[in-house]
Amino acid sequence: MTTSPTSTSVRLGWTIVYVPDVTASIEFYEKAFGLRRRFIADGGTYGELDTGSTTLSFSAYSVADSHLPGGVTHHDPASPPAPVELAMVSDDVPAAFGRAVEAGAVVVSEPKEQPWGQTVSWVRDPWGVLLEVCSPIS
């Protein structure tokens, strides 16, 4: 089925990552990547970081459980990561990678220059979320 174009456009508004501890997640991303906190809601069930182009948000598993039938799958650092990643772009990948690991990220793959010229690495945050730490694509 095809649809005809309309005057309504869609854009990415924000990304929400469901986590066990919103405050700890915000603090990790501040320390690991230097992102700026917008706020953490009273009760600590929701918080936002300013990433420049869009908002990176964190919400407690309990919020997902109350809004979505069946809730969401909880991240498990001992299991393979969920099939989604957050790309953290830096002009100095080795330094950003090092800060992330120092802040508590778990190494998945060390920084490596790819055949197309981009430097790419992967870590998982302390809750198991997969993060690509990479250079901009030119």
N, C-alpha and C. Protein backbone atom coordinates (compact mmCIF):
# COMPACT_ATOMS: atom_id res chain seq x y z
N MET A 1 0.84 -1.17 0.00
CA MET A 1 0.00 0.00 0.00
C MET A 1 0.89 1.24 0.00
N THR A 2 0.61 2.16 -0.88
CA THR A 2 1.37 3.40 -0.92
C THR A 2 0.48 4.53 -0.44
N THR A 3 1.13 5.52 0.08
CA THR A 3 0.38 6.70 0.51
C THR A 3 0.85 7.89 -0.29
N SER A 4 -0.03 8.83 -0.47
CA SER A 4 0.36 10.02 -1.21
C SER A 4 0.95 11.03 -0.25
N PRO A 5 1.88 11.84 -0.73
CA PRO A 5 2.48 12.85 0.14
C PRO A 5 1.43 13.85 0.63
N THR A 6 1.63 14.32 1.82
CA THR A 6 0.75 15.33 2.39
C THR A 6 1.60 16.49 2.87
N SER A 7 0.96 17.52 3.33
CA SER A 7 1.69 18.67 3.84
C SER A 7 2.19 18.43 5.26
N THR A 8 1.81 17.31 5.86
CA THR A 8 2.26 16.99 7.21
C THR A 8 3.65 16.37 7.14
N SER A 9 4.58 16.92 7.91
CA SER A 9 5.91 16.34 7.95
C SER A 9 6.15 15.73 9.33
N VAL A 10 7.08 14.82 9.37
CA VAL A 10 7.43 14.15 10.62
C VAL A 10 8.92 14.38 10.86
N ARG A 11 9.27 14.63 12.11
CA ARG A 11 10.67 14.78 12.48
C ARG A 11 10.90 14.04 13.79
N LEU A 12 12.13 13.67 14.03
CA LEU A 12 12.48 13.02 15.28
C LEU A 12 12.47 14.08 16.38
N GLY A 13 11.66 13.87 17.39
CA GLY A 13 11.54 14.84 18.47
C GLY A 13 12.51 14.58 19.61
N TRP A 14 12.64 13.32 20.01
CA TRP A 14 13.53 12.95 21.10
C TRP A 14 13.67 11.45 21.11
N THR A 15 14.64 11.00 21.86
CA THR A 15 14.86 9.58 22.08
C THR A 15 14.71 9.34 23.57
N ILE A 16 13.94 8.33 23.94
CA ILE A 16 13.78 7.97 25.35
C ILE A 16 14.38 6.58 25.55
N VAL A 17 15.27 6.47 26.53
CA VAL A 17 15.84 5.19 26.92
C VAL A 17 15.26 4.84 28.28
N TYR A 18 14.62 3.69 28.38
CA TYR A 18 14.07 3.25 29.66
C TYR A 18 15.19 2.59 30.47
N VAL A 19 15.32 3.01 31.71
CA VAL A 19 16.44 2.60 32.56
C VAL A 19 15.96 2.33 33.98
N PRO A 20 16.77 1.62 34.76
CA PRO A 20 16.37 1.37 36.15
C PRO A 20 16.56 2.58 37.05
N ASP A 21 17.47 3.51 36.69
CA ASP A 21 17.77 4.64 37.56
C ASP A 21 18.04 5.87 36.69
N VAL A 22 17.06 6.75 36.59
CA VAL A 22 17.17 7.94 35.73
C VAL A 22 18.30 8.86 36.18
N THR A 23 18.38 9.15 37.45
CA THR A 23 19.41 10.07 37.95
C THR A 23 20.80 9.52 37.67
N ALA A 24 21.03 8.25 37.96
CA ALA A 24 22.34 7.65 37.71
C ALA A 24 22.66 7.65 36.21
N SER A 25 21.66 7.45 35.37
CA SER A 25 21.88 7.48 33.91
C SER A 25 22.29 8.88 33.46
N ILE A 26 21.56 9.89 33.92
CA ILE A 26 21.90 11.27 33.57
C ILE A 26 23.32 11.58 34.02
N GLU A 27 23.67 11.20 35.24
CA GLU A 27 25.01 11.46 35.77
C GLU A 27 26.08 10.75 34.95
N PHE A 28 25.83 9.51 34.53
CA PHE A 28 26.79 8.78 33.71
C PHE A 28 27.04 9.50 32.39
N TYR A 29 25.98 9.89 31.69
CA TYR A 29 26.13 10.54 30.38
C TYR A 29 26.76 11.93 30.50
N GLU A 30 26.52 12.61 31.61
CA GLU A 30 27.20 13.89 31.85
C GLU A 30 28.70 13.66 31.99
N LYS A 31 29.07 12.69 32.82
CA LYS A 31 30.48 12.42 33.08
C LYS A 31 31.16 11.80 31.87
N ALA A 32 30.51 10.84 31.23
CA ALA A 32 31.14 10.11 30.12
C ALA A 32 31.26 10.96 28.86
N PHE A 33 30.26 11.78 28.57
CA PHE A 33 30.24 12.47 27.28
C PHE A 33 30.12 14.00 27.39
N GLY A 34 30.06 14.52 28.61
CA GLY A 34 29.99 15.96 28.78
C GLY A 34 28.67 16.56 28.35
N LEU A 35 27.61 15.76 28.27
CA LEU A 35 26.30 16.29 27.88
C LEU A 35 25.74 17.13 29.02
N ARG A 36 24.90 18.09 28.68
CA ARG A 36 24.34 19.02 29.66
C ARG A 36 22.94 18.58 30.08
N ARG A 37 22.74 18.53 31.38
CA ARG A 37 21.44 18.15 31.95
C ARG A 37 20.43 19.27 31.71
N ARG A 38 19.27 18.89 31.17
CA ARG A 38 18.16 19.85 31.10
C ARG A 38 17.41 19.83 32.42
N PHE A 39 17.00 18.65 32.84
CA PHE A 39 16.32 18.52 34.13
C PHE A 39 16.10 17.05 34.46
N ILE A 40 15.80 16.80 35.73
CA ILE A 40 15.29 15.52 36.19
C ILE A 40 14.00 15.84 36.91
N ALA A 41 12.93 15.18 36.52
CA ALA A 41 11.62 15.44 37.10
C ALA A 41 11.57 15.04 38.57
N ASP A 42 10.71 15.73 39.32
CA ASP A 42 10.49 15.34 40.71
C ASP A 42 10.14 13.86 40.75
N GLY A 43 10.72 13.15 41.69
CA GLY A 43 10.49 11.72 41.80
C GLY A 43 11.49 10.90 41.01
N GLY A 44 12.26 11.54 40.12
CA GLY A 44 13.33 10.86 39.41
C GLY A 44 12.91 9.83 38.39
N THR A 45 11.69 9.95 37.86
CA THR A 45 11.24 8.95 36.89
C THR A 45 11.46 9.38 35.44
N TYR A 46 11.92 10.62 35.23
CA TYR A 46 12.15 11.11 33.88
C TYR A 46 13.20 12.21 33.93
N GLY A 47 14.08 12.24 32.92
CA GLY A 47 15.08 13.29 32.84
C GLY A 47 15.53 13.47 31.41
N GLU A 48 16.14 14.63 31.13
CA GLU A 48 16.59 14.94 29.78
C GLU A 48 17.99 15.52 29.78
N LEU A 49 18.71 15.22 28.70
CA LEU A 49 20.00 15.81 28.41
C LEU A 49 19.90 16.58 27.11
N ASP A 50 20.59 17.70 27.03
CA ASP A 50 20.64 18.48 25.80
C ASP A 50 21.80 17.95 24.97
N THR A 51 21.50 17.43 23.79
CA THR A 51 22.54 16.88 22.92
C THR A 51 22.79 17.77 21.72
N GLY A 52 22.12 18.89 21.64
CA GLY A 52 22.28 19.79 20.50
C GLY A 52 21.11 19.70 19.55
N SER A 53 21.09 18.66 18.74
CA SER A 53 20.07 18.58 17.69
C SER A 53 18.75 18.00 18.17
N THR A 54 18.77 17.19 19.17
CA THR A 54 17.54 16.62 19.72
C THR A 54 17.79 16.31 21.19
N THR A 55 16.79 15.85 21.88
CA THR A 55 16.90 15.56 23.30
C THR A 55 17.10 14.08 23.52
N LEU A 56 18.03 13.75 24.38
CA LEU A 56 18.20 12.37 24.84
C LEU A 56 17.54 12.30 26.20
N SER A 57 16.52 11.47 26.30
CA SER A 57 15.73 11.39 27.53
C SER A 57 15.88 10.01 28.16
N PHE A 58 15.66 9.97 29.46
CA PHE A 58 15.67 8.71 30.20
C PHE A 58 14.39 8.66 31.01
N SER A 59 13.80 7.49 31.05
CA SER A 59 12.58 7.31 31.83
C SER A 59 12.68 5.98 32.57
N ALA A 60 12.09 5.94 33.73
CA ALA A 60 12.14 4.74 34.57
C ALA A 60 11.33 3.61 33.95
N TYR A 61 11.78 2.40 34.18
CA TYR A 61 11.03 1.23 33.72
C TYR A 61 9.58 1.29 34.21
N SER A 62 9.38 1.81 35.41
CA SER A 62 8.03 1.87 35.98
C SER A 62 7.10 2.73 35.11
N VAL A 63 7.64 3.76 34.45
CA VAL A 63 6.82 4.59 33.56
C VAL A 63 6.39 3.77 32.35
N ALA A 64 7.33 3.04 31.76
CA ALA A 64 6.97 2.17 30.62
C ALA A 64 5.95 1.14 31.04
N ASP A 65 6.14 0.58 32.22
CA ASP A 65 5.21 -0.44 32.70
C ASP A 65 3.81 0.12 32.89
N SER A 66 3.71 1.41 33.24
CA SER A 66 2.38 2.00 33.45
C SER A 66 1.74 2.48 32.15
N HIS A 67 2.55 2.75 31.11
CA HIS A 67 2.01 3.26 29.85
C HIS A 67 1.82 2.19 28.78
N LEU A 68 2.66 1.18 28.80
CA LEU A 68 2.66 0.20 27.72
C LEU A 68 2.21 -1.16 28.23
N PRO A 69 1.21 -1.76 27.59
CA PRO A 69 0.82 -3.10 28.02
C PRO A 69 2.02 -4.05 27.95
N GLY A 70 2.36 -4.65 29.05
CA GLY A 70 3.50 -5.55 29.09
C GLY A 70 4.82 -4.86 29.34
N GLY A 71 4.83 -3.52 29.43
CA GLY A 71 6.07 -2.78 29.70
C GLY A 71 7.08 -2.91 28.58
N VAL A 72 8.34 -2.86 28.93
CA VAL A 72 9.43 -3.00 27.96
C VAL A 72 10.41 -4.04 28.48
N THR A 73 11.22 -4.56 27.58
CA THR A 73 12.30 -5.45 27.99
C THR A 73 13.34 -4.63 28.72
N HIS A 74 13.77 -5.11 29.87
CA HIS A 74 14.78 -4.39 30.64
C HIS A 74 16.17 -4.74 30.10
N HIS A 75 17.03 -3.74 30.03
CA HIS A 75 18.40 -3.98 29.60
C HIS A 75 19.07 -4.93 30.60
N ASP A 76 19.89 -5.81 30.09
CA ASP A 76 20.61 -6.75 30.93
C ASP A 76 22.06 -6.74 30.48
N PRO A 77 22.96 -6.13 31.28
CA PRO A 77 24.35 -6.04 30.87
C PRO A 77 25.01 -7.40 30.65
N ALA A 78 24.44 -8.47 31.22
CA ALA A 78 25.01 -9.81 31.06
C ALA A 78 24.55 -10.49 29.78
N SER A 79 23.56 -9.93 29.10
CA SER A 79 23.03 -10.50 27.86
C SER A 79 23.45 -9.64 26.67
N PRO A 80 23.31 -10.18 25.46
CA PRO A 80 23.59 -9.34 24.30
C PRO A 80 22.73 -8.08 24.34
N PRO A 81 23.24 -6.97 23.78
CA PRO A 81 22.48 -5.72 23.84
C PRO A 81 21.22 -5.77 22.97
N ALA A 82 20.30 -4.88 23.28
CA ALA A 82 19.10 -4.72 22.45
C ALA A 82 19.54 -4.29 21.05
N PRO A 83 18.73 -4.57 20.03
CA PRO A 83 19.14 -4.26 18.65
C PRO A 83 18.95 -2.79 18.27
N VAL A 84 19.50 -1.92 19.08
CA VAL A 84 19.48 -0.49 18.81
C VAL A 84 20.70 0.12 19.50
N GLU A 85 21.24 1.18 18.94
CA GLU A 85 22.38 1.83 19.57
C GLU A 85 22.20 3.33 19.53
N LEU A 86 22.87 4.00 20.44
CA LEU A 86 22.95 5.44 20.43
C LEU A 86 24.34 5.79 19.92
N ALA A 87 24.43 6.66 18.93
CA ALA A 87 25.72 7.07 18.39
C ALA A 87 26.16 8.36 19.06
N MET A 88 27.30 8.33 19.68
CA MET A 88 27.89 9.49 20.34
C MET A 88 29.06 9.93 19.46
N VAL A 89 28.90 11.07 18.78
CA VAL A 89 29.86 11.52 17.77
C VAL A 89 30.86 12.48 18.40
N SER A 90 32.14 12.24 18.12
CA SER A 90 33.21 13.06 18.68
C SER A 90 34.31 13.25 17.64
N ASP A 91 34.98 14.41 17.70
CA ASP A 91 36.14 14.63 16.85
C ASP A 91 37.37 13.91 17.39
N ASP A 92 37.32 13.47 18.65
CA ASP A 92 38.43 12.74 19.27
C ASP A 92 37.88 11.45 19.89
N VAL A 93 37.70 10.45 19.04
CA VAL A 93 37.09 9.18 19.48
C VAL A 93 37.89 8.51 20.59
N PRO A 94 39.20 8.36 20.47
CA PRO A 94 39.93 7.71 21.56
C PRO A 94 39.72 8.39 22.92
N ALA A 95 39.71 9.72 22.94
CA ALA A 95 39.49 10.44 24.21
C ALA A 95 38.07 10.23 24.72
N ALA A 96 37.07 10.33 23.83
CA ALA A 96 35.67 10.12 24.23
C ALA A 96 35.45 8.69 24.71
N PHE A 97 36.03 7.75 24.00
CA PHE A 97 35.95 6.34 24.39
C PHE A 97 36.56 6.15 25.78
N GLY A 98 37.74 6.73 25.99
CA GLY A 98 38.41 6.61 27.29
C GLY A 98 37.61 7.21 28.43
N ARG A 99 37.01 8.39 28.19
CA ARG A 99 36.17 9.02 29.23
C ARG A 99 34.97 8.14 29.55
N ALA A 100 34.35 7.55 28.52
CA ALA A 100 33.19 6.69 28.74
C ALA A 100 33.57 5.48 29.59
N VAL A 101 34.69 4.86 29.26
CA VAL A 101 35.14 3.69 30.02
C VAL A 101 35.48 4.10 31.46
N GLU A 102 36.15 5.23 31.61
CA GLU A 102 36.49 5.73 32.94
C GLU A 102 35.22 6.01 33.76
N ALA A 103 34.16 6.43 33.10
CA ALA A 103 32.89 6.73 33.78
C ALA A 103 32.08 5.48 34.10
N GLY A 104 32.52 4.32 33.60
CA GLY A 104 31.82 3.07 33.93
C GLY A 104 31.27 2.29 32.76
N ALA A 105 31.52 2.75 31.52
CA ALA A 105 31.07 2.00 30.35
C ALA A 105 31.90 0.73 30.21
N VAL A 106 31.30 -0.29 29.61
CA VAL A 106 31.96 -1.57 29.39
C VAL A 106 32.40 -1.62 27.92
N VAL A 107 33.65 -1.95 27.70
CA VAL A 107 34.21 -2.01 26.35
C VAL A 107 33.59 -3.15 25.56
N VAL A 108 33.12 -2.83 24.36
CA VAL A 108 32.65 -3.84 23.40
C VAL A 108 33.69 -3.96 22.29
N SER A 109 34.14 -2.82 21.75
CA SER A 109 35.11 -2.80 20.66
C SER A 109 35.91 -1.50 20.73
N GLU A 110 37.22 -1.63 20.76
CA GLU A 110 38.13 -0.48 20.82
C GLU A 110 38.00 0.38 19.57
N PRO A 111 38.38 1.66 19.63
CA PRO A 111 38.33 2.52 18.44
C PRO A 111 39.17 1.95 17.30
N LYS A 112 38.58 1.98 16.12
CA LYS A 112 39.25 1.46 14.93
C LYS A 112 38.82 2.28 13.73
N GLU A 113 39.80 2.65 12.90
CA GLU A 113 39.46 3.38 11.68
C GLU A 113 38.88 2.40 10.67
N GLN A 114 37.73 2.78 10.12
CA GLN A 114 37.04 1.95 9.15
C GLN A 114 37.52 2.29 7.73
N PRO A 115 37.29 1.39 6.76
CA PRO A 115 37.75 1.63 5.39
C PRO A 115 37.21 2.93 4.78
N TRP A 116 36.07 3.41 5.24
CA TRP A 116 35.49 4.64 4.70
C TRP A 116 36.02 5.88 5.42
N GLY A 117 36.96 5.71 6.37
CA GLY A 117 37.62 6.83 7.02
C GLY A 117 37.07 7.21 8.38
N GLN A 118 35.98 6.65 8.78
CA GLN A 118 35.38 6.97 10.08
C GLN A 118 36.03 6.11 11.17
N THR A 119 36.26 6.70 12.33
CA THR A 119 36.74 5.94 13.49
C THR A 119 35.53 5.54 14.31
N VAL A 120 35.44 4.25 14.64
CA VAL A 120 34.25 3.70 15.30
C VAL A 120 34.68 2.80 16.45
N SER A 121 33.93 2.88 17.54
CA SER A 121 34.10 1.98 18.68
C SER A 121 32.74 1.75 19.31
N TRP A 122 32.65 0.76 20.19
CA TRP A 122 31.39 0.50 20.89
C TRP A 122 31.67 0.23 22.35
N VAL A 123 30.77 0.74 23.18
CA VAL A 123 30.74 0.45 24.62
C VAL A 123 29.29 0.20 25.00
N ARG A 124 29.11 -0.32 26.19
CA ARG A 124 27.76 -0.41 26.76
C ARG A 124 27.76 0.41 28.04
N ASP A 125 26.68 1.15 28.26
CA ASP A 125 26.60 1.92 29.49
C ASP A 125 26.43 0.95 30.66
N PRO A 126 26.48 1.42 31.90
CA PRO A 126 26.40 0.50 33.04
C PRO A 126 25.13 -0.35 33.10
N TRP A 127 24.09 0.04 32.36
CA TRP A 127 22.84 -0.72 32.37
C TRP A 127 22.70 -1.61 31.15
N GLY A 128 23.68 -1.55 30.23
CA GLY A 128 23.68 -2.44 29.08
C GLY A 128 23.29 -1.83 27.76
N VAL A 129 23.00 -0.52 27.73
CA VAL A 129 22.62 0.15 26.49
C VAL A 129 23.86 0.24 25.59
N LEU A 130 23.71 -0.14 24.32
CA LEU A 130 24.80 -0.12 23.35
C LEU A 130 25.04 1.30 22.83
N LEU A 131 26.29 1.74 22.92
CA LEU A 131 26.68 3.08 22.47
C LEU A 131 27.80 2.96 21.45
N GLU A 132 27.60 3.58 20.30
CA GLU A 132 28.67 3.71 19.32
C GLU A 132 29.36 5.03 19.61
N VAL A 133 30.65 5.00 19.82
CA VAL A 133 31.44 6.21 20.00
C VAL A 133 32.24 6.35 18.71
N CYS A 134 31.93 7.39 17.94
CA CYS A 134 32.47 7.46 16.57
C CYS A 134 32.79 8.89 16.16
N SER A 135 33.56 8.98 15.09
CA SER A 135 33.84 10.28 14.49
C SER A 135 32.72 10.64 13.54
N PRO A 136 32.62 11.92 13.18
CA PRO A 136 31.61 12.31 12.21
C PRO A 136 31.88 11.61 10.87
N ILE A 137 30.84 11.41 10.12
CA ILE A 137 30.99 10.86 8.77
C ILE A 137 31.18 12.05 7.84
N SER A 138 32.29 12.02 7.07
CA SER A 138 32.54 13.16 6.18
C SER A 138 31.90 12.97 4.84
